[in-house]
PDB file of N, CA and C in Angstrom:
ATOM      1  N   MET A   1     -12.582-164.389-169.606  1.00  0.00           N
ATOM      2  CA  MET A   1     -12.938-163.646-170.854  1.00  0.00           C
ATOM      3  C   MET A   1     -12.141-164.476-171.949  1.00  0.00           C
ATOM      4  N   SER A   2     -12.770-164.651-173.130  1.00  0.00           N
ATOM      5  CA  SER A   2     -11.990-165.254-174.234  1.00  0.00           C
ATOM      6  C   SER A   2     -12.545-164.590-175.573  1.00  0.00           C
ATOM      7  N   ALA A   3     -11.658-164.507-176.506  1.00  0.00           N
ATOM      8  CA  ALA A   3     -12.003-163.915-177.741  1.00  0.00           C
ATOM      9  C   ALA A   3     -11.479-164.622-178.919  1.00  0.00           C
ATOM     10  N   GLU A   4     -12.005-164.455-180.034  1.00  0.00           N
ATOM     11  CA  GLU A   4     -11.486-165.214-181.200  1.00  0.00           C
ATOM     12  C   GLU A   4     -11.113-164.311-182.319  1.00  0.00           C
ATOM     13  N   THR A   5     -11.733-163.196-182.565  1.00  0.00           N
ATOM     14  CA  THR A   5     -11.352-162.356-183.659  1.00  0.00           C
ATOM     15  C   THR A   5     -11.288-160.893-183.360  1.00  0.00           C
ATOM     16  N   GLU A   6     -10.255-160.218-184.083  1.00  0.00           N
ATOM     17  CA  GLU A   6     -10.089-158.865-183.982  1.00  0.00           C
ATOM     18  C   GLU A   6      -8.717-158.605-184.572  1.00  0.00           C
ATOM     19  N   THR A   7      -8.585-157.632-185.400  1.00  0.00           N
ATOM     20  CA  THR A   7      -7.409-157.302-186.104  1.00  0.00           C
ATOM     21  C   THR A   7      -6.471-156.407-185.262  1.00  0.00           C
ATOM     22  N   PRO A   8      -5.243-156.857-185.115  1.00  0.00           N
ATOM     23  CA  PRO A   8      -4.293-155.936-184.212  1.00  0.00           C
ATOM     24  C   PRO A   8      -4.153-154.635-184.869  1.00  0.00           C
ATOM     25  N   GLN A   9      -4.015-153.571-184.108  1.00  0.00           N
ATOM     26  CA  GLN A   9      -3.838-152.305-184.713  1.00  0.00           C
ATOM     27  C   GLN A   9      -2.402-151.991-184.978  1.00  0.00           C
ATOM     28  N   ALA A  10      -2.154-151.135-185.899  1.00  0.00           N
ATOM     29  CA  ALA A  10      -0.710-150.887-186.293  1.00  0.00           C
ATOM     30  C   ALA A  10       0.082-150.075-185.312  1.00  0.00           C
ATOM     31  N   THR A  11      -0.596-149.615-184.288  1.00  0.00           N
ATOM     32  CA  THR A  11       0.086-148.849-183.180  1.00  0.00           C
ATOM     33  C   THR A  11       0.964-149.647-182.402  1.00  0.00           C
ATOM     34  N   GLY A  12       0.818-151.017-182.504  1.00  0.00           N
ATOM     35  CA  GLY A  12       1.724-151.874-181.601  1.00  0.00           C
ATOM     36  C   GLY A  12       1.082-152.268-180.295  1.00  0.00           C
ATOM     37  N   SER A  13      -0.122-151.685-180.067  1.00  0.00           N
ATOM     38  CA  SER A  13      -0.853-151.874-178.784  1.00  0.00           C
ATOM     39  C   SER A  13      -2.005-152.797-179.179  1.00  0.00           C
ATOM     40  N   CYS A  14      -2.320-153.617-178.226  1.00  0.00           N
ATOM     41  CA  CYS A  14      -3.564-154.596-178.432  1.00  0.00           C
ATOM     42  C   CYS A  14      -4.833-153.800-178.475  1.00  0.00           C
ATOM     43  N   CYS A  15      -4.907-152.634-177.858  1.00  0.00           N
ATOM     44  CA  CYS A  15      -6.187-151.787-177.809  1.00  0.00           C
ATOM     45  C   CYS A  15      -6.062-150.846-178.861  1.00  0.00           C
ATOM     46  N   THR A  16      -7.178-150.581-179.554  1.00  0.00           N
ATOM     47  CA  THR A  16      -7.499-149.716-180.545  1.00  0.00           C
ATOM     48  C   THR A  16      -7.251-148.259-180.176  1.00  0.00           C
ATOM     49  N   PRO A  17      -7.022-147.236-181.016  1.00  0.00           N
ATOM     50  CA  PRO A  17      -6.840-145.887-180.571  1.00  0.00           C
ATOM     51  C   PRO A  17      -8.021-145.416-179.938  1.00  0.00           C
ATOM     52  N   ALA A  18      -9.348-145.912-180.162  1.00  0.00           N
ATOM     53  CA  ALA A  18     -10.459-145.534-179.476  1.00  0.00           C
ATOM     54  C   ALA A  18     -10.690-146.155-178.086  1.00  0.00           C
ATOM     55  N   GLY A  19      -9.698-147.062-177.679  1.00  0.00           N
ATOM     56  CA  GLY A  19      -9.731-147.699-176.538  1.00  0.00           C
ATOM     57  C   GLY A  19     -10.704-148.897-176.436  1.00  0.00           C
ATOM     58  N   THR A  20     -11.186-149.392-177.620  1.00  0.00           N
ATOM     59  CA  THR A  20     -12.227-150.507-177.595  1.00  0.00           C
ATOM     60  C   THR A  20     -11.393-151.729-177.500  1.00  0.00           C
ATOM     61  N   ARG A  21     -12.161-152.826-177.200  1.00  0.00           N
ATOM     62  CA  ARG A  21     -11.535-154.101-177.229  1.00  0.00           C
ATOM     63  C   ARG A  21     -12.561-155.226-177.540  1.00  0.00           C
ATOM     64  N   ASN A  22     -12.253-156.390-177.845  1.00  0.00           N
ATOM     65  CA  ASN A  22     -13.061-157.524-178.282  1.00  0.00           C
ATOM     66  C   ASN A  22     -13.495-158.289-177.103  1.00  0.00           C
ATOM     67  N   ASP A  23     -14.760-158.431-176.780  1.00  0.00           N
ATOM     68  CA  ASP A  23     -15.233-159.093-175.666  1.00  0.00           C
ATOM     69  C   ASP A  23     -15.909-160.450-176.177  1.00  0.00           C
ATOM     70  N   GLY A  24     -15.919-160.743-177.419  1.00  0.00           N
ATOM     71  CA  GLY A  24     -16.624-161.953-177.868  1.00  0.00           C
ATOM     72  C   GLY A  24     -16.065-163.209-177.364  1.00  0.00           C
ATOM     73  N   ALA A  25     -16.850-164.075-176.968  1.00  0.00           N
ATOM     74  CA  ALA A  25     -16.455-165.408-176.377  1.00  0.00           C
ATOM     75  C   ALA A  25     -16.721-166.490-177.384  1.00  0.00           C
ATOM     76  N   SER A  26     -15.847-167.462-177.346  1.00  0.00           N
ATOM     77  CA  SER A  26     -16.003-168.755-178.208  1.00  0.00           C
ATOM     78  C   SER A  26     -15.374-169.931-177.426  1.00  0.00           C
ATOM     79  N   ASP A  27     -16.008-171.074-177.749  1.00  0.00           N
ATOM     80  CA  ASP A  27     -15.565-172.349-177.064  1.00  0.00           C
ATOM     81  C   ASP A  27     -14.616-172.929-178.040  1.00  0.00           C
ATOM     82  N   VAL A  28     -13.706-173.816-177.589  1.00  0.00           N
ATOM     83  CA  VAL A  28     -12.844-174.589-178.377  1.00  0.00           C
ATOM     84  C   VAL A  28     -13.599-175.679-179.021  1.00  0.00           C
ATOM     85  N   GLN A  29     -13.445-175.838-180.277  1.00  0.00           N
ATOM     86  CA  GLN A  29     -14.188-176.844-181.040  1.00  0.00           C
ATOM     87  C   GLN A  29     -13.339-178.167-181.148  1.00  0.00           C
ATOM     88  N   ALA A  30     -13.913-179.220-181.384  1.00  0.00           N
ATOM     89  CA  ALA A  30     -13.227-180.434-181.470  1.00  0.00           C
ATOM     90  C   ALA A  30     -12.255-180.501-182.590  1.00  0.00           C
ATOM     91  N   GLY A  31     -11.145-180.980-182.457  1.00  0.00           N
ATOM     92  CA  GLY A  31     -10.195-181.150-183.488  1.00  0.00           C
ATOM     93  C   GLY A  31      -9.346-182.487-183.161  1.00  0.00           C
ATOM     94  N   ALA A  32      -8.540-182.898-184.095  1.00  0.00           N
ATOM     95  CA  ALA A  32      -7.869-184.093-183.810  1.00  0.00           C
ATOM     96  C   ALA A  32      -6.857-183.988-182.682  1.00  0.00           C
ATOM     97  N   VAL A  33      -6.272-182.840-182.533  1.00  0.00           N
ATOM     98  CA  VAL A  33      -5.272-182.483-181.598  1.00  0.00           C
ATOM     99  C   VAL A  33      -5.456-181.278-180.801  1.00  0.00           C
ATOM    100  N   THR A  34      -5.308-181.255-179.554  1.00  0.00           N
ATOM    101  CA  THR A  34      -5.482-180.103-178.711  1.00  0.00           C
ATOM    102  C   THR A  34      -4.164-179.789-177.957  1.00  0.00           C
ATOM    103  N   ALA A  35      -3.686-178.550-178.043  1.00  0.00           N
ATOM    104  CA  ALA A  35      -2.451-178.175-177.312  1.00  0.00           C
ATOM    105  C   ALA A  35      -2.777-176.845-176.582  1.00  0.00           C
ATOM    106  N   VAL A  36      -2.132-176.712-175.350  1.00  0.00           N
ATOM    107  CA  VAL A  36      -2.295-175.565-174.620  1.00  0.00           C
ATOM    108  C   VAL A  36      -0.927-174.873-174.490  1.00  0.00           C
ATOM    109  N   TYR A  37      -0.921-173.592-174.783  1.00  0.00           N
ATOM    110  CA  TYR A  37       0.335-172.690-174.762  1.00  0.00           C
ATOM    111  C   TYR A  37       0.239-171.789-173.799  1.00  0.00           C
ATOM    112  N   GLN A  38       1.421-171.294-173.291  1.00  0.00           N
ATOM    113  CA  GLN A  38       1.453-170.257-172.197  1.00  0.00           C
ATOM    114  C   GLN A  38       1.958-169.025-173.116  1.00  0.00           C
ATOM    115  N   VAL A  39       1.228-167.857-173.023  1.00  0.00           N
ATOM    116  CA  VAL A  39       1.532-166.694-173.745  1.00  0.00           C
ATOM    117  C   VAL A  39       1.801-165.479-172.710  1.00  0.00           C
ATOM    118  N   LYS A  40       2.868-164.839-172.819  1.00  0.00           N
ATOM    119  CA  LYS A  40       3.133-163.588-171.976  1.00  0.00           C
ATOM    120  C   LYS A  40       2.690-162.362-172.657  1.00  0.00           C
ATOM    121  N   GLY A  41       1.925-161.545-171.817  1.00  0.00           N
ATOM    122  CA  GLY A  41       1.596-160.164-172.349  1.00  0.00           C
ATOM    123  C   GLY A  41       0.162-159.891-172.528  1.00  0.00           C
ATOM    124  N   MET A  42      -0.645-160.861-172.505  1.00  0.00           N
ATOM    125  CA  MET A  42      -2.043-160.661-172.750  1.00  0.00           C
ATOM    126  C   MET A  42      -2.666-159.963-171.555  1.00  0.00           C
ATOM    127  N   THR A  43      -3.415-158.867-171.875  1.00  0.00           N
ATOM    128  CA  THR A  43      -4.098-158.207-170.651  1.00  0.00           C
ATOM    129  C   THR A  43      -5.569-157.970-170.790  1.00  0.00           C
ATOM    130  N   CYS A  44      -6.053-158.231-171.991  1.00  0.00           N
ATOM    131  CA  CYS A  44      -7.536-157.853-172.178  1.00  0.00           C
ATOM    132  C   CYS A  44      -8.079-158.679-173.304  1.00  0.00           C
ATOM    133  N   GLY A  45      -9.429-158.595-173.571  1.00  0.00           N
ATOM    134  CA  GLY A  45     -10.083-159.188-174.604  1.00  0.00           C
ATOM    135  C   GLY A  45      -9.448-159.022-175.998  1.00  0.00           C
ATOM    136  N   HIS A  46      -9.114-157.756-176.283  1.00  0.00           N
ATOM    137  CA  HIS A  46      -8.481-157.422-177.489  1.00  0.00           C
ATOM    138  C   HIS A  46      -7.213-158.239-177.895  1.00  0.00           C
ATOM    139  N   CYS A  47      -6.489-158.303-176.746  1.00  0.00           N
ATOM    140  CA  CYS A  47      -5.216-159.136-176.845  1.00  0.00           C
ATOM    141  C   CYS A  47      -5.539-160.589-177.207  1.00  0.00           C
ATOM    142  N   GLU A  48      -6.455-161.087-176.446  1.00  0.00           N
ATOM    143  CA  GLU A  48      -6.999-162.494-176.934  1.00  0.00           C
ATOM    144  C   GLU A  48      -7.345-162.698-178.240  1.00  0.00           C
ATOM    145  N   GLY A  49      -8.028-161.671-178.801  1.00  0.00           N
ATOM    146  CA  GLY A  49      -8.517-161.728-180.134  1.00  0.00           C
ATOM    147  C   GLY A  49      -7.370-161.647-181.153  1.00  0.00           C
ATOM    148  N   SER A  50      -6.452-160.890-180.794  1.00  0.00           N
ATOM    149  CA  SER A  50      -5.263-160.668-181.704  1.00  0.00           C
ATOM    150  C   SER A  50      -4.459-161.924-181.871  1.00  0.00           C
ATOM    151  N   ILE A  51      -4.266-162.574-180.645  1.00  0.00           N
ATOM    152  CA  ILE A  51      -3.614-163.784-180.629  1.00  0.00           C
ATOM    153  C   ILE A  51      -4.343-164.938-181.326  1.00  0.00           C
ATOM    154  N   ALA A  52      -5.718-164.977-181.070  1.00  0.00           N
ATOM    155  CA  ALA A  52      -6.550-165.931-181.753  1.00  0.00           C
ATOM    156  C   ALA A  52      -6.594-165.788-183.252  1.00  0.00           C
ATOM    157  N   GLU A  53      -6.637-164.573-183.667  1.00  0.00           N
ATOM    158  CA  GLU A  53      -6.676-164.403-185.124  1.00  0.00           C
ATOM    159  C   GLU A  53      -5.447-164.891-185.872  1.00  0.00           C
ATOM    160  N   GLU A  54      -4.205-164.558-185.274  1.00  0.00           N
ATOM    161  CA  GLU A  54      -3.021-164.922-185.860  1.00  0.00           C
ATOM    162  C   GLU A  54      -2.823-166.451-185.954  1.00  0.00           C
ATOM    163  N   ILE A  55      -3.093-167.077-184.759  1.00  0.00           N
ATOM    164  CA  ILE A  55      -3.026-168.554-184.661  1.00  0.00           C
ATOM    165  C   ILE A  55      -3.955-169.190-185.698  1.00  0.00           C
ATOM    166  N   SER A  56      -5.132-168.697-185.754  1.00  0.00           N
ATOM    167  CA  SER A  56      -6.202-169.285-186.641  1.00  0.00           C
ATOM    168  C   SER A  56      -5.715-169.368-188.116  1.00  0.00           C
ATOM    169  N   GLY A  57      -4.720-168.510-188.418  1.00  0.00           N
ATOM    170  CA  GLY A  57      -4.189-168.496-189.772  1.00  0.00           C
ATOM    171  C   GLY A  57      -3.288-169.618-190.063  1.00  0.00           C
ATOM    172  N   ILE A  58      -2.932-170.387-189.151  1.00  0.00           N
ATOM    173  CA  ILE A  58      -2.001-171.512-189.282  1.00  0.00           C
ATOM    174  C   ILE A  58      -2.775-172.681-189.926  1.00  0.00           C
ATOM    175  N   GLU A  59      -2.277-173.227-190.999  1.00  0.00           N
ATOM    176  CA  GLU A  59      -2.937-174.325-191.758  1.00  0.00           C
ATOM    177  C   GLU A  59      -3.244-175.515-190.701  1.00  0.00           C
ATOM    178  N   GLY A  60      -4.528-175.917-190.804  1.00  0.00           N
ATOM    179  CA  GLY A  60      -4.955-177.063-189.976  1.00  0.00           C
ATOM    180  C   GLY A  60      -5.591-176.630-188.678  1.00  0.00           C
ATOM    181  N   VAL A  61      -5.507-175.399-188.127  1.00  0.00           N
ATOM    182  CA  VAL A  61      -6.134-174.981-186.898  1.00  0.00           C
ATOM    183  C   VAL A  61      -7.593-174.906-187.137  1.00  0.00           C
ATOM    184  N   THR A  62      -8.390-175.628-186.131  1.00  0.00           N
ATOM    185  CA  THR A  62      -9.815-175.652-186.284  1.00  0.00           C
ATOM    186  C   THR A  62     -10.394-174.725-185.190  1.00  0.00           C
ATOM    187  N   SER A  63      -9.748-174.385-184.165  1.00  0.00           N
ATOM    188  CA  SER A  63     -10.149-173.531-183.155  1.00  0.00           C
ATOM    189  C   SER A  63      -9.158-173.000-182.207  1.00  0.00           C
ATOM    190  N   VAL A  64      -9.395-171.820-181.616  1.00  0.00           N
ATOM    191  CA  VAL A  64      -8.502-171.151-180.663  1.00  0.00           C
ATOM    192  C   VAL A  64      -9.250-170.430-179.608  1.00  0.00           C
ATOM    193  N   LYS A  65      -8.705-170.651-178.371  1.00  0.00           N
ATOM    194  CA  LYS A  65      -9.341-169.938-177.258  1.00  0.00           C
ATOM    195  C   LYS A  65      -8.270-169.417-176.423  1.00  0.00           C
ATOM    196  N   ALA A  66      -8.199-168.057-176.401  1.00  0.00           N
ATOM    197  CA  ALA A  66      -7.089-167.415-175.619  1.00  0.00           C
ATOM    198  C   ALA A  66      -7.760-166.824-174.314  1.00  0.00           C
ATOM    199  N   VAL A  67      -7.061-166.883-173.240  1.00  0.00           N
ATOM    200  CA  VAL A  67      -7.647-166.407-171.905  1.00  0.00           C
ATOM    201  C   VAL A  67      -6.649-165.476-171.339  1.00  0.00           C
ATOM    202  N   ALA A  68      -6.807-164.182-171.293  1.00  0.00           N
ATOM    203  CA  ALA A  68      -5.818-163.228-170.795  1.00  0.00           C
ATOM    204  C   ALA A  68      -5.527-163.414-169.329  1.00  0.00           C
ATOM    205  N   SER A  69      -6.489-163.796-168.603  1.00  0.00           N
ATOM    206  CA  SER A  69      -6.433-163.958-167.085  1.00  0.00           C
ATOM    207  C   SER A  69      -5.401-165.022-166.755  1.00  0.00           C
ATOM    208  N   THR A  70      -5.379-166.098-167.542  1.00  0.00           N
ATOM    209  CA  THR A  70      -4.361-167.163-167.264  1.00  0.00           C
ATOM    210  C   THR A  70      -3.131-167.140-168.172  1.00  0.00           C
ATOM    211  N   GLY A  71      -3.170-166.450-169.241  1.00  0.00           N
ATOM    212  CA  GLY A  71      -2.144-166.431-170.280  1.00  0.00           C
ATOM    213  C   GLY A  71      -2.174-167.660-171.003  1.00  0.00           C
ATOM    214  N   ARG A  72      -3.211-168.465-171.059  1.00  0.00           N
ATOM    215  CA  ARG A  72      -3.141-169.657-171.755  1.00  0.00           C
ATOM    216  C   ARG A  72      -3.965-169.628-173.044  1.00  0.00           C
ATOM    217  N   VAL A  73      -3.448-170.249-174.024  1.00  0.00           N
ATOM    218  CA  VAL A  73      -4.169-170.394-175.345  1.00  0.00           C
ATOM    219  C   VAL A  73      -4.281-171.823-175.797  1.00  0.00           C
ATOM    220  N   THR A  74      -5.509-172.286-175.968  1.00  0.00           N
ATOM    221  CA  THR A  74      -5.866-173.624-176.193  1.00  0.00           C
ATOM    222  C   THR A  74      -6.155-173.658-177.766  1.00  0.00           C
ATOM    223  N   VAL A  75      -5.489-174.485-178.436  1.00  0.00           N
ATOM    224  CA  VAL A  75      -5.505-174.604-179.873  1.00  0.00           C
ATOM    225  C   VAL A  75      -5.832-175.998-180.311  1.00  0.00           C
ATOM    226  N   SER A  76      -6.989-176.158-181.062  1.00  0.00           N
ATOM    227  CA  SER A  76      -7.333-177.441-181.636  1.00  0.00           C
ATOM    228  C   SER A  76      -6.961-177.458-183.173  1.00  0.00           C
ATOM    229  N   SER A  77      -6.387-178.553-183.622  1.00  0.00           N
ATOM    230  CA  SER A  77      -5.914-178.592-184.959  1.00  0.00           C
ATOM    231  C   SER A  77      -6.116-180.058-185.615  1.00  0.00           C
ATOM    232  N   LEU A  78      -6.071-180.161-186.838  1.00  0.00           N
ATOM    233  CA  LEU A  78      -6.193-181.455-187.460  1.00  0.00           C
ATOM    234  C   LEU A  78      -5.050-182.335-187.192  1.00  0.00           C
ATOM    235  N   ALA A  79      -3.857-181.665-186.987  1.00  0.00           N
ATOM    236  CA  ALA A  79      -2.616-182.515-186.792  1.00  0.00           C
ATOM    237  C   ALA A  79      -1.767-181.697-185.738  1.00  0.00           C
ATOM    238  N   PRO A  80      -0.790-182.290-185.152  1.00  0.00           N
ATOM    239  CA  PRO A  80       0.043-181.524-184.220  1.00  0.00           C
ATOM    240  C   PRO A  80       0.725-180.270-185.011  1.00  0.00           C
ATOM    241  N   LEU A  81       0.826-179.157-184.363  1.00  0.00           N
ATOM    242  CA  LEU A  81       1.470-177.957-184.859  1.00  0.00           C
ATOM    243  C   LEU A  81       2.859-177.865-184.634  1.00  0.00           C
ATOM    244  N   ALA A  82       3.682-177.326-185.505  1.00  0.00           N
ATOM    245  CA  ALA A  82       5.150-177.047-185.169  1.00  0.00           C
ATOM    246  C   ALA A  82       5.068-175.907-184.223  1.00  0.00           C
ATOM    247  N   GLU A  83       5.844-175.999-183.117  1.00  0.00           N
ATOM    248  CA  GLU A  83       5.947-174.870-182.187  1.00  0.00           C
ATOM    249  C   GLU A  83       6.487-173.563-182.870  1.00  0.00           C
ATOM    250  N   ASP A  84       7.412-173.714-183.775  1.00  0.00           N
ATOM    251  CA  ASP A  84       7.878-172.618-184.419  1.00  0.00           C
ATOM    252  C   ASP A  84       6.732-171.824-185.180  1.00  0.00           C
ATOM    253  N   ALA A  85       5.817-172.546-185.768  1.00  0.00           N
ATOM    254  CA  ALA A  85       4.666-171.814-186.389  1.00  0.00           C
ATOM    255  C   ALA A  85       3.784-171.077-185.459  1.00  0.00           C
ATOM    256  N   VAL A  86       3.593-171.649-184.213  1.00  0.00           N
ATOM    257  CA  VAL A  86       2.740-170.900-183.183  1.00  0.00           C
ATOM    258  C   VAL A  86       3.431-169.793-182.697  1.00  0.00           C
ATOM    259  N   ARG A  87       4.805-169.990-182.385  1.00  0.00           N
ATOM    260  CA  ARG A  87       5.650-168.875-181.959  1.00  0.00           C
ATOM    261  C   ARG A  87       5.604-167.694-182.896  1.00  0.00           C
ATOM    262  N   ALA A  88       5.740-168.000-184.228  1.00  0.00           N
ATOM    263  CA  ALA A  88       5.740-166.893-185.326  1.00  0.00           C
ATOM    264  C   ALA A  88       4.453-166.188-185.177  1.00  0.00           C
ATOM    265  N   ALA A  89       3.290-166.871-185.057  1.00  0.00           N
ATOM    266  CA  ALA A  89       2.017-166.324-185.104  1.00  0.00           C
ATOM    267  C   ALA A  89       1.835-165.422-183.778  1.00  0.00           C
ATOM    268  N   VAL A  90       2.201-165.946-182.651  1.00  0.00           N
ATOM    269  CA  VAL A  90       2.171-165.122-181.474  1.00  0.00           C
ATOM    270  C   VAL A  90       3.098-163.931-181.546  1.00  0.00           C
ATOM    271  N   ASP A  91       4.203-164.026-182.110  1.00  0.00           N
ATOM    272  CA  ASP A  91       5.289-162.960-182.247  1.00  0.00           C
ATOM    273  C   ASP A  91       4.502-161.821-183.089  1.00  0.00           C
ATOM    274  N   GLU A  92       3.812-162.349-184.240  1.00  0.00           N
ATOM    275  CA  GLU A  92       3.229-161.401-185.235  1.00  0.00           C
ATOM    276  C   GLU A  92       2.178-160.603-184.472  1.00  0.00           C
ATOM    277  N   ALA A  93       1.449-161.209-183.494  1.00  0.00           N
ATOM    278  CA  ALA A  93       0.396-160.569-182.800  1.00  0.00           C
ATOM    279  C   ALA A  93       1.008-159.599-181.721  1.00  0.00           C
ATOM    280  N   GLY A  94       2.269-159.706-181.515  1.00  0.00           N
ATOM    281  CA  GLY A  94       3.055-158.782-180.544  1.00  0.00           C
ATOM    282  C   GLY A  94       3.146-159.214-179.102  1.00  0.00           C
ATOM    283  N   TYR A  95       3.096-160.550-179.015  1.00  0.00           N
ATOM    284  CA  TYR A  95       3.223-161.262-177.734  1.00  0.00           C
ATOM    285  C   TYR A  95       4.330-162.261-177.541  1.00  0.00           C
ATOM    286  N   GLU A  96       4.538-162.856-176.513  1.00  0.00           N
ATOM    287  CA  GLU A  96       5.640-163.802-176.355  1.00  0.00           C
ATOM    288  C   GLU A  96       5.219-165.197-175.997  1.00  0.00           C
ATOM    289  N   LEU A  97       5.453-166.139-176.837  1.00  0.00           N
ATOM    290  CA  LEU A  97       5.110-167.587-176.626  1.00  0.00           C
ATOM    291  C   LEU A  97       6.234-168.057-175.512  1.00  0.00           C
ATOM    292  N   VAL A  98       5.710-168.496-174.328  1.00  0.00           N
ATOM    293  CA  VAL A  98       6.602-169.040-173.327  1.00  0.00           C
ATOM    294  C   VAL A  98       6.895-170.476-173.597  1.00  0.00           C
ATOM    295  N   GLY A  99       5.867-171.209-174.088  1.00  0.00           N
ATOM    296  CA  GLY A  99       6.003-172.491-174.357  1.00  0.00           C
ATOM    297  C   GLY A  99       4.666-173.255-174.192  1.00  0.00           C
ATOM    298  N   THR A 100       4.763-174.629-174.104  1.00  0.00           N
ATOM    299  CA  THR A 100       3.488-175.332-173.871  1.00  0.00           C
ATOM    300  C   THR A 100       3.141-175.220-172.358  1.00  0.00           C
ATOM    301  N   ALA A 101       1.930-175.168-172.007  1.00  0.00           N
ATOM    302  CA  ALA A 101       1.484-175.049-170.615  1.00  0.00           C
ATOM    303  C   ALA A 101       1.552-176.413-169.986  1.00  0.00           C
ATOM    304  N   ALA A 102       1.956-176.425-168.769  1.00  0.00           N
ATOM    305  CA  ALA A 102       2.015-177.681-167.995  1.00  0.00           C
ATOM    306  C   ALA A 102       0.744-178.216-167.577  1.00  0.00           C
TER     307      ALA A 102
END
């Protein structure tokens, strides 16, 4: 399952008060640079969407694909991203960036 958009709820949970989640799928699009990150705490499509939305806000990002089942987030961008920027986006979504995936 992968998702690209959904606004995180103010409750601090990845799921909405109504218990809905985002099931939309998207493929990673071509960019000059692709990096794969390991993120801790994703459990559903809404989690994926929350992370994808925050990382998509980083300047130069062309696509994001988050997969809860593996905890991996693949990011394509026009240039290499500063890990601090990715970490801040993941933190803002309410999750923990473990680092780059091996």
